[in-house]
Amino acid sequence: MKRSAAQYAVLSRLLDDALALDEPARANWLAALPVEYAAQRATLDRMLTFDRRASHRTLLNLEGHLRSSARSVNELLEKLQACVPPDAD
């Protein structure tokens, strides 16, 4: 479905409003969307679902990178500790 510039402007404004809310508030906001925006409801729902999935994937990727970095740091610390002689008392 092809949209006009005016329709995209409305969607953009509505999407900005929705993205300013947390996840539970977004669902309530979408359900309470005024009748004048009923035609945009399904599109907004798809966009918000896409945003949620993309955010979840990004967080999972970040978690993986952090875990990998932590393992690398721990390995490096172990190697450094092996090189340092124990304190002589």
C-alpha atoms as a PDB file:
ATOM      1  CA  MET A   1       0.000   0.000   0.000  1.00  0.00           C
ATOM      2  CA  LYS A   2       1.424   3.305  -1.055  1.00  0.00           C
ATOM      3  CA  ARG A   3       1.173   6.135   1.466  1.00  0.00           C
ATOM      4  CA  SER A   4       1.198   9.860   0.891  1.00  0.00           C
ATOM      5  CA  ALA A   5       3.617  12.260   2.525  1.00  0.00           C
ATOM      6  CA  ALA A   6       0.788  13.432   4.789  1.00  0.00           C
ATOM      7  CA  GLN A   7       0.098   9.848   5.911  1.00  0.00           C
ATOM      8  CA  TYR A   8       3.784   9.321   6.653  1.00  0.00           C
ATOM      9  CA  ALA A   9       3.836  12.546   8.650  1.00  0.00           C
ATOM     10  CA  VAL A  10       0.937  11.301  10.803  1.00  0.00           C
ATOM     11  CA  LEU A  11       2.579   7.892  11.255  1.00  0.00           C
ATOM     12  CA  SER A  12       5.870   9.530  12.169  1.00  0.00           C
ATOM     13  CA  ARG A  13       4.274  11.713  14.830  1.00  0.00           C
ATOM     14  CA  LEU A  14       2.300   8.796  16.260  1.00  0.00           C
ATOM     15  CA  LEU A  15       5.375   6.563  16.261  1.00  0.00           C
ATOM     16  CA  ASP A  16       7.369   9.241  18.097  1.00  0.00           C
ATOM     17  CA  ASP A  17       4.607   9.385  20.721  1.00  0.00           C
ATOM     18  CA  ALA A  18       4.605   5.598  21.111  1.00  0.00           C
ATOM     19  CA  LEU A  19       8.389   5.241  21.307  1.00  0.00           C
ATOM     20  CA  ALA A  20       8.505   7.741  24.162  1.00  0.00           C
ATOM     21  CA  LEU A  21       6.536   5.231  26.258  1.00  0.00           C
ATOM     22  CA  ASP A  22       7.664   2.035  27.952  1.00  0.00           C
ATOM     23  CA  GLU A  23       6.474  -1.310  26.593  1.00  0.00           C
ATOM     24  CA  PRO A  24       3.306  -1.780  28.710  1.00  0.00           C
ATOM     25  CA  ALA A  25       2.258   1.833  28.167  1.00  0.00           C
ATOM     26  CA  ARG A  26       2.704   1.422  24.397  1.00  0.00           C
ATOM     27  CA  ALA A  27       0.150  -1.390  24.276  1.00  0.00           C
ATOM     28  CA  ASN A  28      -2.343   0.710  26.264  1.00  0.00           C
ATOM     29  CA  TRP A  29      -1.640   3.741  24.103  1.00  0.00           C
ATOM     30  CA  LEU A  30      -2.207   1.745  20.906  1.00  0.00           C
ATOM     31  CA  ALA A  31      -5.462   0.264  22.217  1.00  0.00           C
ATOM     32  CA  ALA A  32      -6.696   3.741  23.199  1.00  0.00           C
ATOM     33  CA  LEU A  33      -5.732   5.369  19.913  1.00  0.00           C
ATOM     34  CA  PRO A  34      -8.534   7.712  18.815  1.00  0.00           C
ATOM     35  CA  VAL A  35     -10.867   6.576  16.039  1.00  0.00           C
ATOM     36  CA  GLU A  36      -9.387   9.156  13.665  1.00  0.00           C
ATOM     37  CA  TYR A  37      -6.149   7.105  13.701  1.00  0.00           C
ATOM     38  CA  ALA A  38      -7.779   3.664  13.382  1.00  0.00           C
ATOM     39  CA  ALA A  39      -6.360   3.252   9.870  1.00  0.00           C
ATOM     40  CA  GLN A  40      -2.828   3.599  11.260  1.00  0.00           C
ATOM     41  CA  ARG A  41      -3.288   1.182  14.186  1.00  0.00           C
ATOM     42  CA  ALA A  42      -2.206  -1.995  12.361  1.00  0.00           C
ATOM     43  CA  THR A  43       0.824  -0.290  10.805  1.00  0.00           C
ATOM     44  CA  LEU A  44       1.871   1.161  14.146  1.00  0.00           C
ATOM     45  CA  ASP A  45       1.476  -2.235  15.784  1.00  0.00           C
ATOM     46  CA  ARG A  46       3.753  -3.831  13.158  1.00  0.00           C
ATOM     47  CA  MET A  47       6.323  -1.047  13.551  1.00  0.00           C
ATOM     48  CA  LEU A  48       6.341  -1.324  17.330  1.00  0.00           C
ATOM     49  CA  THR A  49       6.628  -5.111  17.153  1.00  0.00           C
ATOM     50  CA  PHE A  50       9.573  -4.749  14.780  1.00  0.00           C
ATOM     51  CA  ASP A  51      11.189  -2.221  17.138  1.00  0.00           C
ATOM     52  CA  ARG A  52      10.708  -4.550  20.125  1.00  0.00           C
ATOM     53  CA  ARG A  53      12.224  -7.530  18.278  1.00  0.00           C
ATOM     54  CA  ALA A  54      15.139  -5.467  16.972  1.00  0.00           C
ATOM     55  CA  SER A  55      15.809  -4.114  20.459  1.00  0.00           C
ATOM     56  CA  HIS A  56      15.699  -7.624  21.918  1.00  0.00           C
ATOM     57  CA  ARG A  57      18.155  -8.909  19.279  1.00  0.00           C
ATOM     58  CA  THR A  58      20.461  -5.965  19.950  1.00  0.00           C
ATOM     59  CA  LEU A  59      20.423  -6.670  23.687  1.00  0.00           C
ATOM     60  CA  LEU A  60      21.143 -10.372  23.124  1.00  0.00           C
ATOM     61  CA  ASN A  61      24.056  -9.504  20.832  1.00  0.00           C
ATOM     62  CA  LEU A  62      25.398  -7.021  23.357  1.00  0.00           C
ATOM     63  CA  GLU A  63      25.134  -9.592  26.135  1.00  0.00           C
ATOM     64  CA  GLY A  64      27.104 -12.062  24.014  1.00  0.00           C
ATOM     65  CA  HIS A  65      29.823  -9.500  23.334  1.00  0.00           C
ATOM     66  CA  LEU A  66      30.047  -8.574  27.017  1.00  0.00           C
ATOM     67  CA  ARG A  67      30.314 -12.215  28.080  1.00  0.00           C
ATOM     68  CA  SER A  68      33.017 -12.819  25.468  1.00  0.00           C
ATOM     69  CA  SER A  69      34.907  -9.712  26.596  1.00  0.00           C
ATOM     70  CA  ALA A  70      34.653 -10.763  30.237  1.00  0.00           C
ATOM     71  CA  ARG A  71      36.110 -14.188  29.386  1.00  0.00           C
ATOM     72  CA  SER A  72      38.941 -12.515  27.470  1.00  0.00           C
ATOM     73  CA  VAL A  73      39.681 -10.164  30.370  1.00  0.00           C
ATOM     74  CA  ASN A  74      39.668 -13.043  32.861  1.00  0.00           C
ATOM     75  CA  GLU A  75      42.037 -15.047  30.649  1.00  0.00           C
ATOM     76  CA  LEU A  76      44.355 -12.055  30.358  1.00  0.00           C
ATOM     77  CA  LEU A  77      44.334 -11.506  34.131  1.00  0.00           C
ATOM     78  CA  GLU A  78      45.169 -15.165  34.731  1.00  0.00           C
ATOM     79  CA  LYS A  79      48.107 -14.932  32.324  1.00  0.00           C
ATOM     80  CA  LEU A  80      49.352 -11.739  33.967  1.00  0.00           C
ATOM     81  CA  GLN A  81      49.051 -13.235  37.443  1.00  0.00           C
ATOM     82  CA  ALA A  82      51.077 -16.248  36.314  1.00  0.00           C
ATOM     83  CA  CYS A  83      53.895 -13.881  35.287  1.00  0.00           C
ATOM     84  CA  VAL A  84      54.025 -12.015  38.596  1.00  0.00           C
ATOM     85  CA  PRO A  85      56.155 -13.679  41.285  1.00  0.00           C
ATOM     86  CA  PRO A  86      54.509 -14.176  44.687  1.00  0.00           C
ATOM     87  CA  ASP A  87      55.286 -11.583  47.375  1.00  0.00           C
ATOM     88  CA  ALA A  88      58.354 -12.447  49.433  1.00  0.00           C
ATOM     89  CA  ASP A  89      57.661 -12.052  53.144  1.00  0.00           C
END
